[in-house]
Amino acid sequence: AGSFDVTQEQILALCRVVGETNPLFTDEAESRRRGYKALVAPPTITNLLIRSFNRPEVKVNFGNLRLHAGQAIECLVPICAGDRLNGHTSLKDVYTKTGRTGTMAFIVWETRFTNQDNIDVARVRESFMVRK
C-alpha cells in the first residue's frame, strides 16, 4: 500500500484534531522520559495512513450502497516520530449475512504496518458493507 514517514508535526496535528491531551503523545520530553526514542503516536495514526491507500475495487454484484461497517486496530509496537512505516494491504474475506433488513455483503481488508526495522507495529482490519 505504500511507505509513510511519521513526523512529530503529524502526531501533534492528530492530537489537536481529536483532542488528545496525554503527554505521551503531546510532549516529546515526556515520551523520552518514559523510555521511548521520540514522541509516541496515538494508535489511531494508522487511520490517517489507511485513508491514503488506493485499494482495488472489489466487484460485488450485490448493490450500490457501501458503508464502513467497522474497524479493529491491533497495536503491537509503539509508533514514534521518525519511524518509516510500510503498509501492506490484503483482501481477507468477502461474505454475506442476513439480518432484520435483508441480506448484506461484507468486504474485509487487513493492513499490516511494519517499521524501518521490518518489525510489525500494527494490524488494522476494516469491514465494508454492501447492500441494495
N, C-alpha and C. Protein backbone atom coordinates (compact mmCIF):
# COMPACT_ATOMS: atom_id res chain seq x y z
N ALA A 1 0.82 -1.20 0.00
CA ALA A 1 0.00 0.00 0.00
C ALA A 1 0.85 1.25 0.00
N GLY A 2 2.08 1.17 0.51
CA GLY A 2 2.95 2.34 0.46
C GLY A 2 3.82 2.49 1.67
N SER A 3 4.70 3.48 1.59
CA SER A 3 5.61 3.83 2.68
C SER A 3 5.23 5.21 3.21
N PHE A 4 5.39 5.38 4.52
CA PHE A 4 4.97 6.61 5.17
C PHE A 4 5.99 7.01 6.22
N ASP A 5 6.42 8.25 6.18
CA ASP A 5 7.28 8.80 7.21
C ASP A 5 6.41 9.44 8.28
N VAL A 6 6.58 9.02 9.51
CA VAL A 6 5.80 9.57 10.63
C VAL A 6 6.58 10.74 11.20
N THR A 7 5.94 11.89 11.24
CA THR A 7 6.61 13.10 11.74
C THR A 7 5.98 13.57 13.04
N GLN A 8 6.74 14.33 13.79
CA GLN A 8 6.23 14.92 15.02
C GLN A 8 5.07 15.86 14.70
N GLU A 9 5.17 16.57 13.58
CA GLU A 9 4.10 17.50 13.19
C GLU A 9 2.79 16.74 12.94
N GLN A 10 2.85 15.58 12.28
CA GLN A 10 1.65 14.78 12.05
C GLN A 10 1.04 14.32 13.37
N ILE A 11 1.88 13.87 14.26
CA ILE A 11 1.40 13.38 15.56
C ILE A 11 0.72 14.50 16.33
N LEU A 12 1.34 15.66 16.40
CA LEU A 12 0.76 16.78 17.14
C LEU A 12 -0.52 17.28 16.49
N ALA A 13 -0.57 17.29 15.16
CA ALA A 13 -1.79 17.71 14.46
C ALA A 13 -2.93 16.74 14.75
N LEU A 14 -2.64 15.43 14.72
CA LEU A 14 -3.66 14.44 15.03
C LEU A 14 -4.18 14.65 16.45
N CYS A 15 -3.28 14.86 17.39
CA CYS A 15 -3.68 15.08 18.78
C CYS A 15 -4.58 16.31 18.92
N ARG A 16 -4.25 17.38 18.21
CA ARG A 16 -5.08 18.59 18.27
C ARG A 16 -6.48 18.31 17.72
N VAL A 17 -6.54 17.61 16.59
CA VAL A 17 -7.83 17.36 15.93
C VAL A 17 -8.75 16.49 16.78
N VAL A 18 -8.20 15.47 17.43
CA VAL A 18 -9.04 14.56 18.20
C VAL A 18 -9.13 14.92 19.68
N GLY A 19 -8.43 15.97 20.10
CA GLY A 19 -8.48 16.41 21.49
C GLY A 19 -7.66 15.56 22.44
N GLU A 20 -6.63 14.88 21.91
CA GLU A 20 -5.76 14.04 22.74
C GLU A 20 -4.85 14.94 23.58
N THR A 21 -4.82 14.69 24.90
CA THR A 21 -4.00 15.51 25.79
C THR A 21 -2.97 14.71 26.58
N ASN A 22 -2.91 13.40 26.38
CA ASN A 22 -1.94 12.57 27.10
C ASN A 22 -0.54 13.04 26.74
N PRO A 23 0.28 13.41 27.73
CA PRO A 23 1.64 13.91 27.45
C PRO A 23 2.51 12.91 26.67
N LEU A 24 2.23 11.62 26.76
CA LEU A 24 2.98 10.64 25.99
C LEU A 24 2.90 10.96 24.50
N PHE A 25 1.74 11.48 24.06
CA PHE A 25 1.51 11.77 22.66
C PHE A 25 1.70 13.25 22.29
N THR A 26 1.84 14.11 23.28
CA THR A 26 1.90 15.56 23.00
C THR A 26 3.19 16.23 23.45
N ASP A 27 4.03 15.52 24.19
CA ASP A 27 5.24 16.13 24.75
C ASP A 27 6.43 15.19 24.53
N GLU A 28 7.30 15.58 23.62
CA GLU A 28 8.44 14.72 23.30
C GLU A 28 9.30 14.42 24.53
N ALA A 29 9.51 15.41 25.38
CA ALA A 29 10.33 15.20 26.58
C ALA A 29 9.72 14.12 27.47
N GLU A 30 8.39 14.13 27.59
CA GLU A 30 7.72 13.11 28.41
C GLU A 30 7.85 11.73 27.77
N SER A 31 7.72 11.65 26.44
CA SER A 31 7.90 10.36 25.75
C SER A 31 9.30 9.82 26.01
N ARG A 32 10.30 10.67 25.88
CA ARG A 32 11.68 10.24 26.11
C ARG A 32 11.91 9.86 27.57
N ARG A 33 11.30 10.62 28.50
CA ARG A 33 11.44 10.31 29.92
C ARG A 33 10.89 8.92 30.22
N ARG A 34 9.86 8.49 29.47
CA ARG A 34 9.26 7.17 29.67
C ARG A 34 10.00 6.07 28.90
N GLY A 35 11.10 6.43 28.22
CA GLY A 35 11.93 5.42 27.59
C GLY A 35 11.76 5.25 26.09
N TYR A 36 10.98 6.09 25.45
CA TYR A 36 10.78 5.99 24.00
C TYR A 36 11.82 6.84 23.28
N LYS A 37 12.10 6.48 22.03
CA LYS A 37 13.15 7.17 21.27
C LYS A 37 12.72 8.55 20.79
N ALA A 38 11.42 8.81 20.73
CA ALA A 38 10.90 10.10 20.26
C ALA A 38 9.44 10.19 20.68
N LEU A 39 8.76 11.23 20.23
CA LEU A 39 7.34 11.41 20.53
C LEU A 39 6.56 10.20 20.02
N VAL A 40 5.70 9.65 20.86
CA VAL A 40 4.91 8.47 20.52
C VAL A 40 3.62 8.92 19.83
N ALA A 41 3.23 8.19 18.79
CA ALA A 41 1.99 8.48 18.06
C ALA A 41 0.82 7.75 18.70
N PRO A 42 -0.36 8.40 18.76
CA PRO A 42 -1.54 7.66 19.21
C PRO A 42 -1.80 6.49 18.26
N PRO A 43 -2.33 5.39 18.76
CA PRO A 43 -2.56 4.22 17.90
C PRO A 43 -3.41 4.51 16.67
N THR A 44 -4.28 5.50 16.77
CA THR A 44 -5.17 5.80 15.64
C THR A 44 -4.46 6.51 14.49
N ILE A 45 -3.16 6.73 14.58
CA ILE A 45 -2.45 7.34 13.46
C ILE A 45 -2.56 6.45 12.22
N THR A 46 -2.75 5.15 12.43
CA THR A 46 -2.89 4.26 11.28
C THR A 46 -4.12 4.61 10.45
N ASN A 47 -5.15 5.20 11.07
CA ASN A 47 -6.34 5.63 10.32
C ASN A 47 -5.98 6.66 9.26
N LEU A 48 -5.10 7.59 9.60
CA LEU A 48 -4.68 8.61 8.63
C LEU A 48 -3.96 7.98 7.45
N LEU A 49 -3.12 7.01 7.74
CA LEU A 49 -2.33 6.38 6.68
C LEU A 49 -3.21 5.56 5.75
N ILE A 50 -4.15 4.82 6.32
CA ILE A 50 -5.02 3.97 5.52
C ILE A 50 -5.86 4.79 4.55
N ARG A 51 -6.24 5.98 4.94
CA ARG A 51 -7.08 6.82 4.08
C ARG A 51 -6.37 7.21 2.78
N SER A 52 -5.05 7.09 2.74
CA SER A 52 -4.32 7.46 1.53
C SER A 52 -4.14 6.28 0.57
N PHE A 53 -4.61 5.09 0.96
CA PHE A 53 -4.45 3.90 0.11
C PHE A 53 -5.42 3.94 -1.06
N ASN A 54 -5.00 3.39 -2.16
CA ASN A 54 -5.87 3.14 -3.30
C ASN A 54 -6.01 1.63 -3.44
N ARG A 55 -7.06 1.10 -2.83
CA ARG A 55 -7.31 -0.33 -2.91
C ARG A 55 -8.03 -0.65 -4.22
N PRO A 56 -7.83 -1.85 -4.72
CA PRO A 56 -8.58 -2.23 -5.93
C PRO A 56 -10.06 -2.35 -5.60
N GLU A 57 -10.88 -2.12 -6.59
CA GLU A 57 -12.33 -2.27 -6.43
C GLU A 57 -12.68 -3.75 -6.36
N VAL A 58 -13.45 -4.13 -5.36
CA VAL A 58 -13.94 -5.50 -5.24
C VAL A 58 -15.29 -5.53 -5.96
N LYS A 59 -15.36 -6.30 -7.01
CA LYS A 59 -16.57 -6.37 -7.83
C LYS A 59 -17.60 -7.28 -7.15
N VAL A 60 -18.47 -6.68 -6.38
CA VAL A 60 -19.54 -7.40 -5.72
C VAL A 60 -20.84 -6.97 -6.38
N ASN A 61 -21.45 -7.86 -7.14
CA ASN A 61 -22.71 -7.56 -7.82
C ASN A 61 -23.85 -7.81 -6.84
N PHE A 62 -23.97 -6.90 -5.90
CA PHE A 62 -24.92 -7.10 -4.84
C PHE A 62 -25.78 -5.87 -4.61
N GLY A 63 -25.23 -4.72 -4.86
CA GLY A 63 -25.92 -3.45 -4.62
C GLY A 63 -24.94 -2.32 -4.77
N ASN A 64 -25.43 -1.11 -4.64
CA ASN A 64 -24.52 0.02 -4.83
C ASN A 64 -24.38 0.89 -3.58
N LEU A 65 -24.98 0.52 -2.48
CA LEU A 65 -24.81 1.25 -1.23
C LEU A 65 -23.66 0.62 -0.45
N ARG A 66 -22.60 1.38 -0.23
CA ARG A 66 -21.43 0.88 0.50
C ARG A 66 -21.21 1.74 1.74
N LEU A 67 -21.05 1.08 2.87
CA LEU A 67 -20.85 1.77 4.14
C LEU A 67 -19.69 1.14 4.90
N HIS A 68 -19.00 1.96 5.67
CA HIS A 68 -17.95 1.45 6.57
C HIS A 68 -18.66 0.70 7.69
N ALA A 69 -18.28 -0.55 7.92
CA ALA A 69 -19.01 -1.39 8.88
C ALA A 69 -18.21 -1.70 10.14
N GLY A 70 -17.01 -1.20 10.25
CA GLY A 70 -16.25 -1.43 11.47
C GLY A 70 -14.76 -1.49 11.23
N GLN A 71 -14.02 -1.33 12.32
CA GLN A 71 -12.57 -1.33 12.24
C GLN A 71 -12.00 -1.82 13.56
N ALA A 72 -10.91 -2.56 13.48
CA ALA A 72 -10.19 -3.01 14.67
C ALA A 72 -8.71 -2.71 14.45
N ILE A 73 -8.09 -2.05 15.42
CA ILE A 73 -6.67 -1.73 15.35
C ILE A 73 -5.96 -2.55 16.42
N GLU A 74 -4.99 -3.34 15.98
CA GLU A 74 -4.17 -4.11 16.91
C GLU A 74 -2.79 -3.46 16.96
N CYS A 75 -2.47 -2.86 18.10
CA CYS A 75 -1.19 -2.17 18.28
C CYS A 75 -0.17 -3.17 18.83
N LEU A 76 0.93 -3.33 18.13
CA LEU A 76 1.93 -4.31 18.51
C LEU A 76 3.17 -3.67 19.13
N VAL A 77 3.62 -2.56 18.53
CA VAL A 77 4.80 -1.83 18.99
C VAL A 77 4.49 -0.35 18.84
N PRO A 78 4.87 0.50 19.81
CA PRO A 78 4.59 1.92 19.65
C PRO A 78 5.22 2.49 18.37
N ILE A 79 4.47 3.37 17.72
CA ILE A 79 4.94 4.09 16.54
C ILE A 79 5.43 5.45 17.03
N CYS A 80 6.63 5.84 16.61
CA CYS A 80 7.23 7.09 17.08
C CYS A 80 7.57 8.00 15.91
N ALA A 81 7.67 9.29 16.22
CA ALA A 81 8.14 10.25 15.23
C ALA A 81 9.50 9.78 14.72
N GLY A 82 9.69 9.87 13.42
CA GLY A 82 10.93 9.42 12.81
C GLY A 82 10.84 8.02 12.23
N ASP A 83 9.79 7.29 12.58
CA ASP A 83 9.62 5.95 12.01
C ASP A 83 9.21 6.05 10.55
N ARG A 84 9.64 5.09 9.76
CA ARG A 84 9.18 4.94 8.38
C ARG A 84 8.37 3.65 8.35
N LEU A 85 7.09 3.78 8.07
CA LEU A 85 6.20 2.62 8.07
C LEU A 85 5.91 2.17 6.65
N ASN A 86 5.80 0.87 6.50
CA ASN A 86 5.38 0.27 5.23
C ASN A 86 4.05 -0.41 5.49
N GLY A 87 3.07 -0.10 4.64
CA GLY A 87 1.75 -0.71 4.76
C GLY A 87 1.55 -1.75 3.68
N HIS A 88 1.01 -2.88 4.07
CA HIS A 88 0.73 -3.99 3.15
C HIS A 88 -0.73 -4.38 3.37
N THR A 89 -1.56 -4.18 2.35
CA THR A 89 -3.00 -4.45 2.47
C THR A 89 -3.37 -5.69 1.69
N SER A 90 -4.26 -6.49 2.27
CA SER A 90 -4.76 -7.66 1.55
C SER A 90 -6.25 -7.82 1.82
N LEU A 91 -6.93 -8.38 0.84
CA LEU A 91 -8.34 -8.70 0.98
C LEU A 91 -8.43 -9.98 1.80
N LYS A 92 -9.10 -9.92 2.95
CA LYS A 92 -9.17 -11.08 3.85
C LYS A 92 -10.43 -11.91 3.67
N ASP A 93 -11.55 -11.25 3.32
CA ASP A 93 -12.78 -12.02 3.24
C ASP A 93 -13.85 -11.23 2.50
N VAL A 94 -14.74 -11.94 1.85
CA VAL A 94 -15.97 -11.40 1.28
C VAL A 94 -17.05 -12.42 1.62
N TYR A 95 -18.11 -11.98 2.31
CA TYR A 95 -19.15 -12.92 2.72
C TYR A 95 -20.50 -12.21 2.79
N THR A 96 -21.56 -12.97 2.84
CA THR A 96 -22.90 -12.41 3.00
C THR A 96 -23.46 -12.77 4.37
N LYS A 97 -24.39 -11.94 4.80
CA LYS A 97 -25.03 -12.15 6.10
C LYS A 97 -26.46 -11.63 5.99
N THR A 98 -27.39 -12.35 6.54
CA THR A 98 -28.78 -11.91 6.51
C THR A 98 -29.17 -11.39 7.88
N GLY A 99 -29.71 -10.17 7.89
CA GLY A 99 -30.15 -9.55 9.13
C GLY A 99 -31.62 -9.20 9.05
N ARG A 100 -32.09 -8.38 9.97
CA ARG A 100 -33.50 -7.98 10.02
C ARG A 100 -33.94 -7.24 8.76
N THR A 101 -33.01 -6.52 8.13
CA THR A 101 -33.37 -5.72 6.96
C THR A 101 -33.02 -6.39 5.65
N GLY A 102 -32.57 -7.63 5.69
CA GLY A 102 -32.25 -8.35 4.46
C GLY A 102 -30.81 -8.81 4.43
N THR A 103 -30.38 -9.20 3.24
CA THR A 103 -29.04 -9.74 3.06
C THR A 103 -28.06 -8.63 2.69
N MET A 104 -26.87 -8.71 3.29
CA MET A 104 -25.80 -7.76 3.06
C MET A 104 -24.54 -8.53 2.69
N ALA A 105 -23.68 -7.89 1.91
CA ALA A 105 -22.36 -8.46 1.62
C ALA A 105 -21.33 -7.65 2.41
N PHE A 106 -20.30 -8.33 2.90
CA PHE A 106 -19.24 -7.66 3.65
C PHE A 106 -17.90 -7.91 2.95
N ILE A 107 -17.10 -6.86 2.88
CA ILE A 107 -15.75 -6.92 2.31
C ILE A 107 -14.80 -6.57 3.45
N VAL A 108 -13.83 -7.44 3.72
CA VAL A 108 -12.92 -7.25 4.84
C VAL A 108 -11.49 -7.13 4.33
N TRP A 109 -10.84 -6.02 4.67
CA TRP A 109 -9.43 -5.76 4.33
C TRP A 109 -8.59 -5.82 5.59
N GLU A 110 -7.36 -6.28 5.45
CA GLU A 110 -6.41 -6.22 6.57
C GLU A 110 -5.14 -5.54 6.09
N THR A 111 -4.68 -4.59 6.89
CA THR A 111 -3.44 -3.88 6.58
C THR A 111 -2.45 -4.13 7.69
N ARG A 112 -1.26 -4.51 7.30
CA ARG A 112 -0.17 -4.77 8.25
C ARG A 112 0.86 -3.66 8.06
N PHE A 113 1.26 -3.03 9.16
CA PHE A 113 2.27 -1.99 9.13
C PHE A 113 3.55 -2.51 9.76
N THR A 114 4.67 -2.32 9.07
CA THR A 114 5.99 -2.63 9.62
C THR A 114 6.79 -1.35 9.68
N ASN A 115 7.78 -1.30 10.57
CA ASN A 115 8.63 -0.11 10.64
C ASN A 115 9.91 -0.32 9.85
N GLN A 116 10.80 0.64 9.95
CA GLN A 116 12.05 0.62 9.18
C GLN A 116 12.93 -0.57 9.54
N ASP A 117 12.69 -1.20 10.67
CA ASP A 117 13.44 -2.39 11.08
C ASP A 117 12.71 -3.68 10.71
N ASN A 118 11.64 -3.54 9.90
CA ASN A 118 10.81 -4.66 9.46
C ASN A 118 10.11 -5.37 10.62
N ILE A 119 9.81 -4.61 11.65
CA ILE A 119 9.08 -5.11 12.82
C ILE A 119 7.60 -4.75 12.65
N ASP A 120 6.71 -5.73 12.85
CA ASP A 120 5.28 -5.44 12.80
C ASP A 120 4.92 -4.48 13.93
N VAL A 121 4.30 -3.35 13.58
CA VAL A 121 3.91 -2.37 14.59
C VAL A 121 2.40 -2.30 14.78
N ALA A 122 1.62 -2.64 13.73
CA ALA A 122 0.16 -2.57 13.86
C ALA A 122 -0.50 -3.40 12.77
N ARG A 123 -1.71 -3.87 13.10
CA ARG A 123 -2.58 -4.52 12.11
C ARG A 123 -3.94 -3.85 12.21
N VAL A 124 -4.49 -3.53 11.07
CA VAL A 124 -5.80 -2.88 11.03
C VAL A 124 -6.72 -3.71 10.15
N ARG A 125 -7.87 -4.05 10.68
CA ARG A 125 -8.87 -4.80 9.91
C ARG A 125 -10.08 -3.89 9.76
N GLU A 126 -10.50 -3.71 8.49
CA GLU A 126 -11.66 -2.87 8.18
C GLU A 126 -12.71 -3.66 7.42
N SER A 127 -13.97 -3.43 7.78
CA SER A 127 -15.08 -4.08 7.09
C SER A 127 -15.95 -3.03 6.42
N PHE A 128 -16.41 -3.37 5.22
CA PHE A 128 -17.33 -2.51 4.48
C PHE A 128 -18.54 -3.34 4.10
N MET A 129 -19.73 -2.74 4.24
CA MET A 129 -20.97 -3.42 3.95
C MET A 129 -21.51 -2.93 2.62
N VAL A 130 -22.02 -3.86 1.83
CA VAL A 130 -22.65 -3.54 0.55
C VAL A 130 -24.07 -4.09 0.59
N ARG A 131 -25.02 -3.25 0.19
CA ARG A 131 -26.41 -3.72 0.12
C ARG A 131 -27.18 -2.94 -0.90
N LYS A 132 -28.35 -3.44 -1.20
CA LYS A 132 -29.21 -2.79 -2.20
C LYS A 132 -29.87 -1.57 -1.66
